[in-house]
Amino acid sequence: MATRFTQAGSMRSLAGSSVLLAVAACGTSGGEESTDTSSGGGLAAPDLPMLQEVGASEDELNILAWPGYAESGQTVPSVDWVTPFEDKTGCQVNVKDFGTSDEAVSLMKTGEYDVVSASGDASLRLIAAGDVEPVNTELVPNYADVAEFLKQRAWNSVDDQMYGIPHGWGANPLMFNTDEVTPAPDSWSVVFEADSPYAGEITAYDSPIYIADAAMYLKATQPDLGIEDPYALDEDQLAAAVDLLEQQRANISEYWSSATQEVSAFRSGDTVVGTTWQYNASLAQSKGTPVKTVVPKEGITGWSDTWMVATDSEHKNCAYMWLDWIVSPQINAEATEWFGEAPANLKACDLASDENFCETYHANDEAYSEGIYYWNTPIAECLDGRTDVTCTDYSDWTTAWTEIKG
């Protein structure tokens, strides 16, 4: 791997949202089945205008971003795509990093930011609240080169109207120590079942969103539960997922919330198997730890991030200039390679410093992407379209996660 392993990829940690929206159902992708590519489902988005023409720079741009998404050379002097943007456009950039999707949603309500890099569990909340507006993709020339399988998805569009520009994406596969875990696992049973031979050496992601991983496993192994979408759980289905995770708790060596934390546990031998990001696996391998990743037969969860424009932004010309800049081939290559994720612009693959970068992150693999249950926000209106029950929302998941960890 290229020498891009920094704190950037280790900073992503999604907390459960207590800000819930009474919005209608919207689909998510899923498992080994064909992903629903329809956009927005029944979400009732506010009727908001979108920019029709990019004018002169307003000389300022306030960015709300995941750490590592808007680098200006302060982390590593040579890692800087903000300064060239300022020089080219005259838009002076102010960057505010956030650590969780919940924090991003809260900060966007202040009206202080022009653009935000939103993950799938935040984007629909921002749309439904009217905090972000439709994006005119015709004003973003580099949008044409964004992978088609990232466009018009349930987390970034409503009624076939895009509400942002895809930035990058990644999956949460199973990582295992090849010296200790044999044969190579093909199922999440090695982390969820009580009789796992690796009890006491298992790790899991420390976030309420991890409940979806348990629900995904139950969808495949206990079909009588009727789980169709791991982010759409009624009370009984959530209870089943909680039971599974409480069972798993006895076998957990450590929950992780950062790449460095997980990699350290694998290097020390305290952990030998568990969910991961490809970034973590590559980092571990670069340090000589014998690990591999697999996509278990039950499927995988993952995330896709979108740059969105604030409805009340006073710098929309600069905002659109940034959208086009960050998804341009060279800059998208730099940003996603630095962070550790697949780029949205497939032309970025030829410009990465690591010639194997896009292969490692499956950037050109549409089938791989279609097999991901992308993060979404559980709400009372079931995301799988059911109307005969009320689903649990993220506050329920947050409460459940607290109980699971004890």
Foldseek 3Di string as FASTA:
>chain_A
DPPLDDQQQFQAFAAFAPDFDPFAAFAFFAALDFGDLAAAPRGDFDDADEDDDQDAFPQEFEEEEARLLADCCPRPVVQHPNVVLCVVRNYRYDYDYDRYLNVVLVVLVVVPHFKYWHKLANQSVCRRVQFFDFYDCVLQVLLVQFDPLVANHHRADHRRTGQFRWQFKWWWFKKFQVVPDPPDDQAPCCQQPLPRPQFQQEEEAQYLLSLLVLLLNCVVVPVVLVDDASLFAAPVSSVVSLVRLLSSLRRHNYYGRTLVVVLVSQVVSSHGMYIDILSSVVVNVVVPGRMDTDAHNSFTAIIIIGMGGTSSDPGVSSSSSVRNSCLPQQNSLSSCVSNPGAGRRPSVQVNHPDVCRCVSRVNVPSSNVSNHRYDYWRHQNGNVRDDVGGTDGSVVSNVSSVVSND
